[in-house]
Amino acid sequence: MTASSTQGVKTVLHPVSDLAQAKAVYAALLGVEPQTDGPHYVGFDVAGQHIGLLPGGGPQGLTTPVAYWHVPDVEAKVAEVTAAGATAKEPAHDVGGGRLVATVIDPDGNLLGLVQG
């Protein structure tokens, strides 16, 4: 797999104002209980997808859901998409367990997430 390929969108993060209420709604929607259930993050894994709930938009300050593209090398992908016209927003950083994430903004102002690991 080259740095230019992706494994598709497998993670979507949603900012929420009431974590307990959102957790109940997403558990009902997805038909599963969360695999990660903490005061700062609730995550569901279902059908090869990860759905995350971030109270108050989390440290990223998200105001809308963000799709995260899974890539083999997040730093190479940031370099590739910024060379093509995107703007780096959040540099690649480890969020635990060896998982690296970054965000970029496309030319129309859409926030794109990238994740490795």
C-alpha atoms as a PDB file:
ATOM      1  CA  MET A   1       0.000   0.000   0.000  1.00  0.00           C
ATOM      2  CA  THR A   2       1.454   3.394  -0.964  1.00  0.00           C
ATOM      3  CA  ALA A   3       1.224   6.603   1.038  1.00  0.00           C
ATOM      4  CA  SER A   4      -1.309   7.896  -1.507  1.00  0.00           C
ATOM      5  CA  SER A   5      -3.855   5.139  -0.879  1.00  0.00           C
ATOM      6  CA  THR A   6      -6.441   5.113   1.900  1.00  0.00           C
ATOM      7  CA  GLN A   7      -8.366   2.417   3.690  1.00  0.00           C
ATOM      8  CA  GLY A   8     -11.496   4.564   3.499  1.00  0.00           C
ATOM      9  CA  VAL A   9     -13.507   6.422   6.105  1.00  0.00           C
ATOM     10  CA  LYS A  10     -13.709   4.177   9.152  1.00  0.00           C
ATOM     11  CA  THR A  11     -14.021   6.741  11.948  1.00  0.00           C
ATOM     12  CA  VAL A  12     -16.535   9.556  12.406  1.00  0.00           C
ATOM     13  CA  LEU A  13     -16.371  11.835  15.448  1.00  0.00           C
ATOM     14  CA  HIS A  14     -19.472  13.710  16.601  1.00  0.00           C
ATOM     15  CA  PRO A  15     -19.461  16.713  18.955  1.00  0.00           C
ATOM     16  CA  VAL A  16     -22.228  16.372  21.558  1.00  0.00           C
ATOM     17  CA  SER A  17     -23.631  18.681  24.211  1.00  0.00           C
ATOM     18  CA  ASP A  18     -25.009  15.970  26.532  1.00  0.00           C
ATOM     19  CA  LEU A  19     -22.801  12.871  26.533  1.00  0.00           C
ATOM     20  CA  ALA A  20     -25.208  10.638  28.481  1.00  0.00           C
ATOM     21  CA  GLN A  21     -28.136  11.474  26.216  1.00  0.00           C
ATOM     22  CA  ALA A  22     -26.045  11.100  23.055  1.00  0.00           C
ATOM     23  CA  LYS A  23     -24.695   7.750  24.284  1.00  0.00           C
ATOM     24  CA  ALA A  24     -28.259   6.452  24.709  1.00  0.00           C
ATOM     25  CA  VAL A  25     -29.285   7.662  21.239  1.00  0.00           C
ATOM     26  CA  TYR A  26     -26.242   6.199  19.477  1.00  0.00           C
ATOM     27  CA  ALA A  27     -26.542   2.891  21.379  1.00  0.00           C
ATOM     28  CA  ALA A  28     -30.144   2.659  20.171  1.00  0.00           C
ATOM     29  CA  LEU A  29     -29.171   3.647  16.614  1.00  0.00           C
ATOM     30  CA  LEU A  30     -26.226   1.265  16.357  1.00  0.00           C
ATOM     31  CA  GLY A  31     -27.698  -1.591  18.391  1.00  0.00           C
ATOM     32  CA  VAL A  32     -24.540  -2.017  20.518  1.00  0.00           C
ATOM     33  CA  GLU A  33     -23.139  -0.672  23.756  1.00  0.00           C
ATOM     34  CA  PRO A  34     -20.018   1.506  23.572  1.00  0.00           C
ATOM     35  CA  GLN A  35     -16.606  -0.164  23.601  1.00  0.00           C
ATOM     36  CA  THR A  36     -15.063   2.964  25.144  1.00  0.00           C
ATOM     37  CA  ASP A  37     -17.121   4.745  27.782  1.00  0.00           C
ATOM     38  CA  GLY A  38     -15.495   7.606  29.657  1.00  0.00           C
ATOM     39  CA  PRO A  39     -16.321  11.148  30.733  1.00  0.00           C
ATOM     40  CA  HIS A  40     -14.376  12.696  27.822  1.00  0.00           C
ATOM     41  CA  TYR A  41     -15.080  10.190  25.041  1.00  0.00           C
ATOM     42  CA  VAL A  42     -17.560   7.468  24.164  1.00  0.00           C
ATOM     43  CA  GLY A  43     -16.765   5.189  21.222  1.00  0.00           C
ATOM     44  CA  PHE A  44     -18.784   2.542  19.399  1.00  0.00           C
ATOM     45  CA  ASP A  45     -17.347  -0.086  17.045  1.00  0.00           C
ATOM     46  CA  VAL A  46     -19.832  -1.638  14.654  1.00  0.00           C
ATOM     47  CA  ALA A  47     -19.592  -3.114  11.151  1.00  0.00           C
ATOM     48  CA  GLY A  48     -15.972  -1.990  10.701  1.00  0.00           C
ATOM     49  CA  GLN A  49     -16.799   1.586  11.678  1.00  0.00           C
ATOM     50  CA  HIS A  50     -15.831   3.569  14.765  1.00  0.00           C
ATOM     51  CA  ILE A  51     -18.300   6.232  15.915  1.00  0.00           C
ATOM     52  CA  GLY A  52     -16.965   8.586  18.586  1.00  0.00           C
ATOM     53  CA  LEU A  53     -18.850  11.076  20.761  1.00  0.00           C
ATOM     54  CA  LEU A  54     -16.940  14.122  22.028  1.00  0.00           C
ATOM     55  CA  PRO A  55     -18.587  16.260  24.720  1.00  0.00           C
ATOM     56  CA  GLY A  56     -18.272  19.929  23.833  1.00  0.00           C
ATOM     57  CA  GLY A  57     -16.441  18.986  20.616  1.00  0.00           C
ATOM     58  CA  GLY A  58     -13.474  17.629  22.583  1.00  0.00           C
ATOM     59  CA  PRO A  59     -10.020  19.194  22.598  1.00  0.00           C
ATOM     60  CA  GLN A  60     -10.347  19.694  18.829  1.00  0.00           C
ATOM     61  CA  GLY A  61     -13.299  22.032  19.372  1.00  0.00           C
ATOM     62  CA  LEU A  62     -15.381  20.243  16.736  1.00  0.00           C
ATOM     63  CA  THR A  63     -18.652  21.914  15.844  1.00  0.00           C
ATOM     64  CA  THR A  64     -19.754  19.386  13.204  1.00  0.00           C
ATOM     65  CA  PRO A  65     -19.122  15.663  12.658  1.00  0.00           C
ATOM     66  CA  VAL A  66     -15.734  14.889  11.089  1.00  0.00           C
ATOM     67  CA  ALA A  67     -14.948  11.850   8.955  1.00  0.00           C
ATOM     68  CA  TYR A  68     -11.484  10.364   9.469  1.00  0.00           C
ATOM     69  CA  TRP A  69      -9.788   8.669   6.523  1.00  0.00           C
ATOM     70  CA  HIS A  70      -7.567   5.761   7.562  1.00  0.00           C
ATOM     71  CA  VAL A  71      -4.152   5.935   5.912  1.00  0.00           C
ATOM     72  CA  PRO A  72      -0.911   3.933   6.279  1.00  0.00           C
ATOM     73  CA  ASP A  73       1.244   7.058   6.879  1.00  0.00           C
ATOM     74  CA  VAL A  74      -0.534  10.125   8.267  1.00  0.00           C
ATOM     75  CA  GLU A  75       2.435  12.509   7.916  1.00  0.00           C
ATOM     76  CA  ALA A  76       2.991  11.521   4.272  1.00  0.00           C
ATOM     77  CA  LYS A  77      -0.732  11.980   3.562  1.00  0.00           C
ATOM     78  CA  VAL A  78      -0.758  15.446   5.206  1.00  0.00           C
ATOM     79  CA  ALA A  79       2.202  16.417   3.008  1.00  0.00           C
ATOM     80  CA  GLU A  80       0.489  15.016  -0.091  1.00  0.00           C
ATOM     81  CA  VAL A  81      -2.857  16.742   0.419  1.00  0.00           C
ATOM     82  CA  THR A  82      -1.325  20.072   1.469  1.00  0.00           C
ATOM     83  CA  ALA A  83       0.832  19.994  -1.678  1.00  0.00           C
ATOM     84  CA  ALA A  84      -2.422  19.517  -3.607  1.00  0.00           C
ATOM     85  CA  GLY A  85      -4.054  22.592  -2.022  1.00  0.00           C
ATOM     86  CA  ALA A  86      -5.352  21.625   1.437  1.00  0.00           C
ATOM     87  CA  THR A  87      -4.287  23.565   4.552  1.00  0.00           C
ATOM     88  CA  ALA A  88      -2.913  21.779   7.611  1.00  0.00           C
ATOM     89  CA  LYS A  89      -5.051  22.456  10.705  1.00  0.00           C
ATOM     90  CA  GLU A  90      -4.017  19.964  13.396  1.00  0.00           C
ATOM     91  CA  PRO A  91      -0.549  18.403  12.971  1.00  0.00           C
ATOM     92  CA  ALA A  92      -0.071  14.666  13.327  1.00  0.00           C
ATOM     93  CA  HIS A  93      -0.039  13.643  16.984  1.00  0.00           C
ATOM     94  CA  ASP A  94      -0.419  10.487  19.041  1.00  0.00           C
ATOM     95  CA  VAL A  95      -3.820  10.067  20.706  1.00  0.00           C
ATOM     96  CA  GLY A  96      -2.837   6.861  22.496  1.00  0.00           C
ATOM     97  CA  GLY A  97      -2.127   3.287  21.569  1.00  0.00           C
ATOM     98  CA  GLY A  98       0.169   4.344  18.717  1.00  0.00           C
ATOM     99  CA  ARG A  99      -2.720   5.943  16.828  1.00  0.00           C
ATOM    100  CA  LEU A 100      -1.697   9.134  14.998  1.00  0.00           C
ATOM    101  CA  VAL A 101      -4.282  11.679  13.889  1.00  0.00           C
ATOM    102  CA  ALA A 102      -4.194  14.950  11.980  1.00  0.00           C
ATOM    103  CA  THR A 103      -6.691  17.270  10.318  1.00  0.00           C
ATOM    104  CA  VAL A 104      -6.553  19.364   7.179  1.00  0.00           C
ATOM    105  CA  ILE A 105      -8.955  21.815   5.567  1.00  0.00           C
ATOM    106  CA  ASP A 106      -9.850  21.365   1.915  1.00  0.00           C
ATOM    107  CA  PRO A 107     -10.096  24.389  -0.433  1.00  0.00           C
ATOM    108  CA  ASP A 108     -13.837  24.706   0.332  1.00  0.00           C
ATOM    109  CA  GLY A 109     -13.324  24.858   4.104  1.00  0.00           C
ATOM    110  CA  ASN A 110     -14.297  21.258   4.885  1.00  0.00           C
ATOM    111  CA  LEU A 111     -12.429  19.638   7.763  1.00  0.00           C
ATOM    112  CA  LEU A 112     -10.891  16.257   6.844  1.00  0.00           C
ATOM    113  CA  GLY A 113      -9.502  13.886   9.449  1.00  0.00           C
ATOM    114  CA  LEU A 114      -6.629  11.492   8.869  1.00  0.00           C
ATOM    115  CA  VAL A 115      -5.771   8.556  11.135  1.00  0.00           C
ATOM    116  CA  GLN A 116      -2.933   6.030  11.160  1.00  0.00           C
ATOM    117  CA  GLY A 117      -2.786   2.961  13.356  1.00  0.00           C
END
